[in-house]
Amino acid sequence: MNEYHRLCVERARELARKPYPLTGEQIAERTGISAHYANKLIKEARREESR
């Protein structure tokens, strides 16, 4: 994974953990990753939250 992509994913994870809900499409638009991957990150963040 190149540096740019790693930074995009890191930013997407930060957005997925925000207390206000963003959709996968909104995160994808703001970070440049796919909406599908953004939705996976949202699910991952919610799973961590519920632990």
PDB file of N, CA and C in Angstrom:
ATOM      1  N   MET A   1       0.864  -1.165   0.000  1.00  0.00           N
ATOM      2  CA  MET A   1       0.000   0.000   0.000  1.00  0.00           C
ATOM      3  C   MET A   1       0.915   1.234   0.000  1.00  0.00           C
ATOM      4  N   ASN A   2       0.693   2.117  -0.927  1.00  0.00           N
ATOM      5  CA  ASN A   2       1.539   3.310  -0.962  1.00  0.00           C
ATOM      6  C   ASN A   2       1.139   4.307   0.119  1.00  0.00           C
ATOM      7  N   GLU A   3       2.002   5.266   0.335  1.00  0.00           N
ATOM      8  CA  GLU A   3       1.818   6.234   1.420  1.00  0.00           C
ATOM      9  C   GLU A   3       0.510   7.013   1.297  1.00  0.00           C
ATOM     10  N   TYR A   4       0.179   7.455   0.090  1.00  0.00           N
ATOM     11  CA  TYR A   4      -1.056   8.226  -0.119  1.00  0.00           C
ATOM     12  C   TYR A   4      -2.287   7.403   0.266  1.00  0.00           C
ATOM     13  N   HIS A   5      -2.327   6.163  -0.195  1.00  0.00           N
ATOM     14  CA  HIS A   5      -3.471   5.297   0.096  1.00  0.00           C
ATOM     15  C   HIS A   5      -3.554   5.027   1.601  1.00  0.00           C
ATOM     16  N   ARG A   6      -2.421   4.810   2.240  1.00  0.00           N
ATOM     17  CA  ARG A   6      -2.401   4.571   3.677  1.00  0.00           C
ATOM     18  C   ARG A   6      -2.971   5.767   4.437  1.00  0.00           C
ATOM     19  N   LEU A   7      -2.604   6.971   4.012  1.00  0.00           N
ATOM     20  CA  LEU A   7      -3.119   8.179   4.650  1.00  0.00           C
ATOM     21  C   LEU A   7      -4.622   8.334   4.426  1.00  0.00           C
ATOM     22  N   CYS A   8      -5.085   7.995   3.227  1.00  0.00           N
ATOM     23  CA  CYS A   8      -6.528   8.061   2.932  1.00  0.00           C
ATOM     24  C   CYS A   8      -7.302   7.104   3.830  1.00  0.00           C
ATOM     25  N   VAL A   9      -6.783   5.896   3.989  1.00  0.00           N
ATOM     26  CA  VAL A   9      -7.452   4.903   4.832  1.00  0.00           C
ATOM     27  C   VAL A   9      -7.432   5.349   6.291  1.00  0.00           C
ATOM     28  N   GLU A  10      -6.314   5.903   6.724  1.00  0.00           N
ATOM     29  CA  GLU A  10      -6.220   6.403   8.097  1.00  0.00           C
ATOM     30  C   GLU A  10      -7.265   7.498   8.353  1.00  0.00           C
ATOM     31  N   ARG A  11      -7.393   8.406   7.417  1.00  0.00           N
ATOM     32  CA  ARG A  11      -8.386   9.489   7.536  1.00  0.00           C
ATOM     33  C   ARG A  11      -9.812   8.918   7.530  1.00  0.00           C
ATOM     34  N   ALA A  12     -10.056   7.942   6.693  1.00  0.00           N
ATOM     35  CA  ALA A  12     -11.378   7.314   6.633  1.00  0.00           C
ATOM     36  C   ALA A  12     -11.709   6.649   7.963  1.00  0.00           C
ATOM     37  N   ARG A  13     -10.729   6.012   8.587  1.00  0.00           N
ATOM     38  CA  ARG A  13     -10.965   5.393   9.899  1.00  0.00           C
ATOM     39  C   ARG A  13     -11.302   6.449  10.942  1.00  0.00           C
ATOM     40  N   GLU A  14     -10.621   7.580  10.890  1.00  0.00           N
ATOM     41  CA  GLU A  14     -10.928   8.678  11.817  1.00  0.00           C
ATOM     42  C   GLU A  14     -12.367   9.158  11.623  1.00  0.00           C
ATOM     43  N   LEU A  15     -12.774   9.325  10.377  1.00  0.00           N
ATOM     44  CA  LEU A  15     -14.137   9.784  10.097  1.00  0.00           C
ATOM     45  C   LEU A  15     -15.173   8.748  10.524  1.00  0.00           C
ATOM     46  N   ALA A  16     -14.840   7.473  10.368  1.00  0.00           N
ATOM     47  CA  ALA A  16     -15.780   6.414  10.748  1.00  0.00           C
ATOM     48  C   ALA A  16     -15.996   6.372  12.250  1.00  0.00           C
ATOM     49  N   ARG A  17     -15.028   6.844  13.029  1.00  0.00           N
ATOM     50  CA  ARG A  17     -15.142   6.824  14.492  1.00  0.00           C
ATOM     51  C   ARG A  17     -15.798   8.071  15.070  1.00  0.00           C
ATOM     52  N   LYS A  18     -16.105   9.040  14.247  1.00  0.00           N
ATOM     53  CA  LYS A  18     -16.716  10.283  14.729  1.00  0.00           C
ATOM     54  C   LYS A  18     -18.067   9.991  15.370  1.00  0.00           C
ATOM     55  N   PRO A  19     -18.444  10.769  16.374  1.00  0.00           N
ATOM     56  CA  PRO A  19     -19.722  10.525  17.050  1.00  0.00           C
ATOM     57  C   PRO A  19     -20.944  10.819  16.167  1.00  0.00           C
ATOM     58  N   TYR A  20     -20.783  11.685  15.172  1.00  0.00           N
ATOM     59  CA  TYR A  20     -21.902  11.951  14.274  1.00  0.00           C
ATOM     60  C   TYR A  20     -21.775  11.030  13.068  1.00  0.00           C
ATOM     61  N   PRO A  21     -22.898  10.506  12.587  1.00  0.00           N
ATOM     62  CA  PRO A  21     -22.834   9.501  11.528  1.00  0.00           C
ATOM     63  C   PRO A  21     -22.527  10.095  10.149  1.00  0.00           C
ATOM     64  N   LEU A  22     -21.582   9.486   9.477  1.00  0.00           N
ATOM     65  CA  LEU A  22     -21.312   9.777   8.069  1.00  0.00           C
ATOM     66  C   LEU A  22     -21.575   8.494   7.294  1.00  0.00           C
ATOM     67  N   THR A  23     -22.063   8.622   6.099  1.00  0.00           N
ATOM     68  CA  THR A  23     -22.286   7.436   5.282  1.00  0.00           C
ATOM     69  C   THR A  23     -20.973   7.034   4.612  1.00  0.00           C
ATOM     70  N   GLY A  24     -20.942   5.826   4.116  1.00  0.00           N
ATOM     71  CA  GLY A  24     -19.765   5.354   3.395  1.00  0.00           C
ATOM     72  C   GLY A  24     -19.467   6.220   2.184  1.00  0.00           C
ATOM     73  N   GLU A  25     -20.521   6.692   1.539  1.00  0.00           N
ATOM     74  CA  GLU A  25     -20.338   7.541   0.364  1.00  0.00           C
ATOM     75  C   GLU A  25     -19.705   8.880   0.736  1.00  0.00           C
ATOM     76  N   GLN A  26     -20.121   9.442   1.871  1.00  0.00           N
ATOM     77  CA  GLN A  26     -19.548  10.715   2.313  1.00  0.00           C
ATOM     78  C   GLN A  26     -18.070  10.554   2.673  1.00  0.00           C
ATOM     79  N   ILE A  27     -17.765   9.476   3.367  1.00  0.00           N
ATOM     80  CA  ILE A  27     -16.363   9.222   3.722  1.00  0.00           C
ATOM     81  C   ILE A  27     -15.540   8.994   2.459  1.00  0.00           C
ATOM     82  N   ALA A  28     -16.080   8.239   1.523  1.00  0.00           N
ATOM     83  CA  ALA A  28     -15.369   7.967   0.271  1.00  0.00           C
ATOM     84  C   ALA A  28     -15.104   9.262  -0.495  1.00  0.00           C
ATOM     85  N   GLU A  29     -16.084  10.127  -0.523  1.00  0.00           N
ATOM     86  CA  GLU A  29     -15.946  11.406  -1.225  1.00  0.00           C
ATOM     87  C   GLU A  29     -14.858  12.272  -0.591  1.00  0.00           C
ATOM     88  N   ARG A  30     -14.774  12.243   0.728  1.00  0.00           N
ATOM     89  CA  ARG A  30     -13.812  13.091   1.436  1.00  0.00           C
ATOM     90  C   ARG A  30     -12.397  12.526   1.447  1.00  0.00           C
ATOM     91  N   THR A  31     -12.259  11.199   1.270  1.00  0.00           N
ATOM     92  CA  THR A  31     -10.937  10.581   1.399  1.00  0.00           C
ATOM     93  C   THR A  31     -10.382  10.010   0.104  1.00  0.00           C
ATOM     94  N   GLY A  32     -11.234   9.715  -0.862  1.00  0.00           N
ATOM     95  CA  GLY A  32     -10.750   9.150  -2.112  1.00  0.00           C
ATOM     96  C   GLY A  32     -10.699   7.636  -2.151  1.00  0.00           C
ATOM     97  N   ILE A  33     -11.232   6.968  -1.123  1.00  0.00           N
ATOM     98  CA  ILE A  33     -11.293   5.509  -1.160  1.00  0.00           C
ATOM     99  C   ILE A  33     -12.672   5.109  -1.675  1.00  0.00           C
ATOM    100  N   SER A  34     -12.875   3.823  -1.927  1.00  0.00           N
ATOM    101  CA  SER A  34     -14.166   3.385  -2.453  1.00  0.00           C
ATOM    102  C   SER A  34     -15.227   3.405  -1.357  1.00  0.00           C
ATOM    103  N   ALA A  35     -16.461   3.587  -1.748  1.00  0.00           N
ATOM    104  CA  ALA A  35     -17.575   3.603  -0.793  1.00  0.00           C
ATOM    105  C   ALA A  35     -17.723   2.232  -0.131  1.00  0.00           C
ATOM    106  N   HIS A  36     -17.464   1.179  -0.874  1.00  0.00           N
ATOM    107  CA  HIS A  36     -17.555  -0.175  -0.329  1.00  0.00           C
ATOM    108  C   HIS A  36     -16.565  -0.347   0.829  1.00  0.00           C
ATOM    109  N   TYR A  37     -15.328   0.086   0.615  1.00  0.00           N
ATOM    110  CA  TYR A  37     -14.305  -0.028   1.653  1.00  0.00           C
ATOM    111  C   TYR A  37     -14.628   0.895   2.829  1.00  0.00           C
ATOM    112  N   ALA A  38     -15.160   2.063   2.561  1.00  0.00           N
ATOM    113  CA  ALA A  38     -15.552   2.985   3.628  1.00  0.00           C
ATOM    114  C   ALA A  38     -16.640   2.359   4.492  1.00  0.00           C
ATOM    115  N   ASN A  39     -17.595   1.675   3.878  1.00  0.00           N
ATOM    116  CA  ASN A  39     -18.647   1.003   4.650  1.00  0.00           C
ATOM    117  C   ASN A  39     -18.069  -0.097   5.532  1.00  0.00           C
ATOM    118  N   LYS A  40     -17.055  -0.813   5.033  1.00  0.00           N
ATOM    119  CA  LYS A  40     -16.399  -1.825   5.845  1.00  0.00           C
ATOM    120  C   LYS A  40     -15.714  -1.193   7.049  1.00  0.00           C
ATOM    121  N   LEU A  41     -15.096  -0.033   6.851  1.00  0.00           N
ATOM    122  CA  LEU A  41     -14.438   0.660   7.956  1.00  0.00           C
ATOM    123  C   LEU A  41     -15.442   1.133   9.001  1.00  0.00           C
ATOM    124  N   ILE A  42     -16.618   1.579   8.541  1.00  0.00           N
ATOM    125  CA  ILE A  42     -17.674   2.001   9.466  1.00  0.00           C
ATOM    126  C   ILE A  42     -18.120   0.819  10.323  1.00  0.00           C
ATOM    127  N   LYS A  43     -18.343  -0.327   9.691  1.00  0.00           N
ATOM    128  CA  LYS A  43     -18.752  -1.515  10.443  1.00  0.00           C
ATOM    129  C   LYS A  43     -17.682  -1.912  11.449  1.00  0.00           C
ATOM    130  N   GLU A  44     -16.430  -1.838  11.047  1.00  0.00           N
ATOM    131  CA  GLU A  44     -15.310  -2.169  11.938  1.00  0.00           C
ATOM    132  C   GLU A  44     -15.284  -1.220  13.139  1.00  0.00           C
ATOM    133  N   ALA A  45     -15.464   0.072  12.890  1.00  0.00           N
ATOM    134  CA  ALA A  45     -15.456   1.056  13.966  1.00  0.00           C
ATOM    135  C   ALA A  45     -16.616   0.840  14.928  1.00  0.00           C
ATOM    136  N   ARG A  46     -17.768   0.492  14.421  1.00  0.00           N
ATOM    137  CA  ARG A  46     -18.928   0.244  15.284  1.00  0.00           C
ATOM    138  C   ARG A  46     -18.735  -1.009  16.123  1.00  0.00           C
ATOM    139  N   ARG A  47     -18.086  -2.018  15.530  1.00  0.00           N
ATOM    140  CA  ARG A  47     -17.800  -3.248  16.261  1.00  0.00           C
ATOM    141  C   ARG A  47     -16.856  -2.951  17.424  1.00  0.00           C
ATOM    142  N   GLU A  48     -15.820  -2.146  17.175  1.00  0.00           N
ATOM    143  CA  GLU A  48     -14.881  -1.776  18.234  1.00  0.00           C
ATOM    144  C   GLU A  48     -15.579  -0.968  19.322  1.00  0.00           C
ATOM    145  N   GLU A  49     -16.502  -0.126  18.912  1.00  0.00           N
ATOM    146  CA  GLU A  49     -17.239   0.722  19.843  1.00  0.00           C
ATOM    147  C   GLU A  49     -18.091  -0.095  20.794  1.00  0.00           C
ATOM    148  N   SER A  50     -18.660  -1.177  20.308  1.00  0.00           N
ATOM    149  CA  SER A  50     -19.589  -1.969  21.109  1.00  0.00           C
ATOM    150  C   SER A  50     -18.869  -2.907  22.089  1.00  0.00           C
ATOM    151  N   ARG A  51     -17.567  -3.012  22.007  1.00  0.00           N
ATOM    152  CA  ARG A  51     -16.820  -3.896  22.915  1.00  0.00           C
ATOM    153  C   ARG A  51     -16.700  -3.343  24.269  1.00  0.00           C
TER     154      ARG A  51
END
